[in-house]
């Protein structure tokens, strides 16, 4: 892969990461990483339960 193509790939990856961060797409994955690191071997919430608890904890975060 040439230099311009490699640069384009890096830019696209950064944009995808930034967009996912803005929309909260990576929050659950960060939660999983934290639980594995801080509480290894303990059960983790399903993604559905994670989002439910997150929204219940901050009712002002939802628009509807």
N, C-alpha and C. Protein backbone atom coordinates (compact mmCIF):
# COMPACT_ATOMS: atom_id res chain seq x y z
N UNK A 1 0.85 -1.16 0.00
CA UNK A 1 0.00 0.00 0.00
C UNK A 1 0.90 1.23 0.00
N UNK A 2 0.64 2.15 -0.90
CA UNK A 2 1.46 3.35 -1.00
C UNK A 2 1.17 4.33 0.13
N UNK A 3 1.97 5.32 0.21
CA UNK A 3 1.85 6.30 1.30
C UNK A 3 0.49 7.02 1.30
N UNK A 4 0.01 7.53 0.16
CA UNK A 4 -1.31 8.20 0.18
C UNK A 4 -2.44 7.26 0.59
N UNK A 5 -2.38 6.02 0.14
CA UNK A 5 -3.43 5.06 0.50
C UNK A 5 -3.38 4.76 1.99
N UNK A 6 -2.18 4.61 2.54
CA UNK A 6 -2.05 4.35 3.97
C UNK A 6 -2.55 5.52 4.80
N UNK A 7 -2.26 6.73 4.34
CA UNK A 7 -2.74 7.92 5.03
C UNK A 7 -4.25 7.98 4.99
N UNK A 8 -4.83 7.67 3.84
CA UNK A 8 -6.30 7.67 3.71
C UNK A 8 -6.93 6.65 4.65
N UNK A 9 -6.34 5.48 4.76
CA UNK A 9 -6.87 4.44 5.65
C UNK A 9 -6.83 4.93 7.10
N UNK A 10 -5.73 5.56 7.50
CA UNK A 10 -5.64 6.08 8.87
C UNK A 10 -6.67 7.17 9.13
N UNK A 11 -6.86 8.06 8.16
CA UNK A 11 -7.85 9.13 8.32
C UNK A 11 -9.24 8.54 8.46
N UNK A 12 -9.58 7.56 7.64
CA UNK A 12 -10.90 6.94 7.70
C UNK A 12 -11.10 6.26 9.06
N UNK A 13 -10.08 5.58 9.56
CA UNK A 13 -10.19 4.93 10.88
C UNK A 13 -10.42 5.96 11.98
N UNK A 14 -9.72 7.07 11.92
CA UNK A 14 -9.88 8.11 12.93
C UNK A 14 -11.28 8.73 12.86
N UNK A 15 -11.77 8.96 11.67
CA UNK A 15 -13.11 9.51 11.51
C UNK A 15 -14.15 8.53 12.04
N UNK A 16 -13.99 7.25 11.74
CA UNK A 16 -14.93 6.24 12.26
C UNK A 16 -14.91 6.19 13.77
N UNK A 17 -13.70 6.23 14.36
CA UNK A 17 -13.58 6.22 15.82
C UNK A 17 -14.26 7.45 16.41
N UNK A 18 -14.01 8.62 15.83
CA UNK A 18 -14.58 9.86 16.34
C UNK A 18 -16.11 9.83 16.24
N UNK A 19 -16.61 9.39 15.11
CA UNK A 19 -18.07 9.32 14.91
C UNK A 19 -18.69 8.34 15.91
N UNK A 20 -18.08 7.20 16.14
CA UNK A 20 -18.59 6.23 17.10
C UNK A 20 -18.57 6.81 18.51
N UNK A 21 -17.54 7.59 18.82
CA UNK A 21 -17.46 8.22 20.14
C UNK A 21 -18.58 9.23 20.33
N UNK A 22 -18.85 10.01 19.30
CA UNK A 22 -19.92 11.01 19.40
C UNK A 22 -21.28 10.36 19.61
N UNK A 23 -21.51 9.27 18.91
CA UNK A 23 -22.81 8.60 18.99
C UNK A 23 -22.91 7.63 20.15
N UNK A 24 -21.81 7.36 20.82
CA UNK A 24 -21.84 6.45 21.96
C UNK A 24 -21.72 4.99 21.60
N UNK A 25 -21.38 4.71 20.35
CA UNK A 25 -21.29 3.32 19.91
C UNK A 25 -20.24 2.51 20.65
N UNK A 26 -19.20 3.16 21.15
CA UNK A 26 -18.12 2.42 21.79
C UNK A 26 -18.24 2.40 23.31
N UNK A 27 -19.28 2.98 23.87
CA UNK A 27 -19.43 3.00 25.33
C UNK A 27 -19.53 1.60 25.92
N UNK A 28 -20.32 0.75 25.30
CA UNK A 28 -20.48 -0.61 25.82
C UNK A 28 -19.15 -1.37 25.75
N UNK A 29 -18.41 -1.18 24.68
CA UNK A 29 -17.12 -1.86 24.55
C UNK A 29 -16.12 -1.36 25.60
N UNK A 30 -16.17 -0.07 25.90
CA UNK A 30 -15.32 0.46 26.97
C UNK A 30 -15.74 -0.11 28.32
N UNK A 31 -17.04 -0.28 28.53
CA UNK A 31 -17.55 -0.90 29.76
C UNK A 31 -17.00 -2.33 29.89
N UNK A 32 -17.06 -3.09 28.79
CA UNK A 32 -16.56 -4.47 28.83
C UNK A 32 -15.07 -4.51 29.15
N UNK A 33 -14.30 -3.63 28.54
CA UNK A 33 -12.87 -3.59 28.82
C UNK A 33 -12.61 -3.25 30.28
N UNK A 34 -13.35 -2.29 30.81
CA UNK A 34 -13.19 -1.92 32.21
C UNK A 34 -13.52 -3.09 33.13
N UNK A 35 -14.65 -3.76 32.87
CA UNK A 35 -15.06 -4.88 33.74
C UNK A 35 -14.04 -6.01 33.70
N UNK A 36 -13.51 -6.31 32.52
CA UNK A 36 -12.50 -7.38 32.42
C UNK A 36 -11.23 -7.01 33.18
N UNK A 37 -10.87 -5.73 33.15
CA UNK A 37 -9.65 -5.28 33.80
C UNK A 37 -9.84 -5.14 35.32
N UNK A 38 -10.95 -4.52 35.73
CA UNK A 38 -11.16 -4.20 37.14
C UNK A 38 -11.84 -5.33 37.92
N UNK A 39 -12.66 -6.12 37.26
CA UNK A 39 -13.43 -7.18 37.93
C UNK A 39 -13.38 -8.47 37.10
N UNK A 40 -12.20 -9.03 36.91
CA UNK A 40 -12.10 -10.24 36.07
C UNK A 40 -12.89 -11.40 36.66
N UNK A 41 -13.53 -12.13 35.78
CA UNK A 41 -14.27 -13.31 36.21
C UNK A 41 -15.68 -13.03 36.69
N UNK A 42 -16.03 -11.76 36.91
CA UNK A 42 -17.39 -11.44 37.33
C UNK A 42 -18.28 -11.29 36.11
N UNK A 43 -19.57 -11.54 36.26
CA UNK A 43 -20.47 -11.40 35.12
C UNK A 43 -20.59 -9.94 34.68
N UNK A 44 -20.89 -9.75 33.40
CA UNK A 44 -21.10 -8.41 32.84
C UNK A 44 -22.53 -8.29 32.35
N UNK A 45 -23.00 -7.07 32.26
CA UNK A 45 -24.34 -6.83 31.75
C UNK A 45 -24.39 -7.10 30.25
N UNK A 46 -25.55 -7.53 29.78
CA UNK A 46 -25.74 -7.62 28.34
C UNK A 46 -25.76 -6.19 27.80
N UNK A 47 -25.59 -6.04 26.51
CA UNK A 47 -25.58 -4.70 25.93
C UNK A 47 -26.92 -4.01 26.17
N UNK A 48 -28.00 -4.75 26.05
CA UNK A 48 -29.33 -4.19 26.27
C UNK A 48 -29.49 -3.69 27.72
N UNK A 49 -29.08 -4.51 28.67
CA UNK A 49 -29.17 -4.10 30.08
C UNK A 49 -28.25 -2.94 30.39
N UNK A 50 -27.07 -2.92 29.77
CA UNK A 50 -26.14 -1.82 29.98
C UNK A 50 -26.80 -0.50 29.58
N UNK A 51 -27.37 -0.46 28.38
CA UNK A 51 -27.98 0.79 27.91
C UNK A 51 -29.19 1.16 28.75
N UNK A 52 -29.96 0.17 29.16
CA UNK A 52 -31.13 0.46 29.99
C UNK A 52 -30.70 1.11 31.31
N UNK A 53 -29.70 0.53 31.97
CA UNK A 53 -29.22 1.11 33.23
C UNK A 53 -28.59 2.48 33.02
N UNK A 54 -27.88 2.63 31.94
CA UNK A 54 -27.24 3.92 31.66
C UNK A 54 -28.27 5.02 31.48
N UNK A 55 -29.33 4.73 30.74
CA UNK A 55 -30.37 5.73 30.53
C UNK A 55 -31.22 5.95 31.78
N UNK A 56 -31.44 4.92 32.55
CA UNK A 56 -32.18 5.08 33.79
C UNK A 56 -31.42 5.94 34.80
N UNK A 57 -30.10 5.86 34.76
CA UNK A 57 -29.28 6.64 35.70
C UNK A 57 -29.24 8.12 35.34
N UNK A 58 -29.49 8.44 34.07
CA UNK A 58 -29.45 9.84 33.62
C UNK A 58 -30.67 10.11 32.75
N UNK A 59 -31.84 10.35 33.36
CA UNK A 59 -33.06 10.52 32.57
C UNK A 59 -33.02 11.74 31.63
N UNK A 60 -32.18 12.71 31.90
CA UNK A 60 -32.08 13.87 31.03
C UNK A 60 -31.32 13.60 29.75
N UNK A 61 -30.69 12.44 29.65
CA UNK A 61 -29.89 12.11 28.47
C UNK A 61 -30.75 11.69 27.28
N UNK A 62 -31.99 11.36 27.51
CA UNK A 62 -32.85 10.91 26.42
C UNK A 62 -33.68 12.06 25.89
N UNK A 63 -33.97 12.02 24.63
CA UNK A 63 -34.77 13.09 24.04
C UNK A 63 -36.26 12.80 24.15
N UNK A 64 -36.63 11.54 24.32
CA UNK A 64 -38.07 11.21 24.30
C UNK A 64 -38.46 10.42 25.53
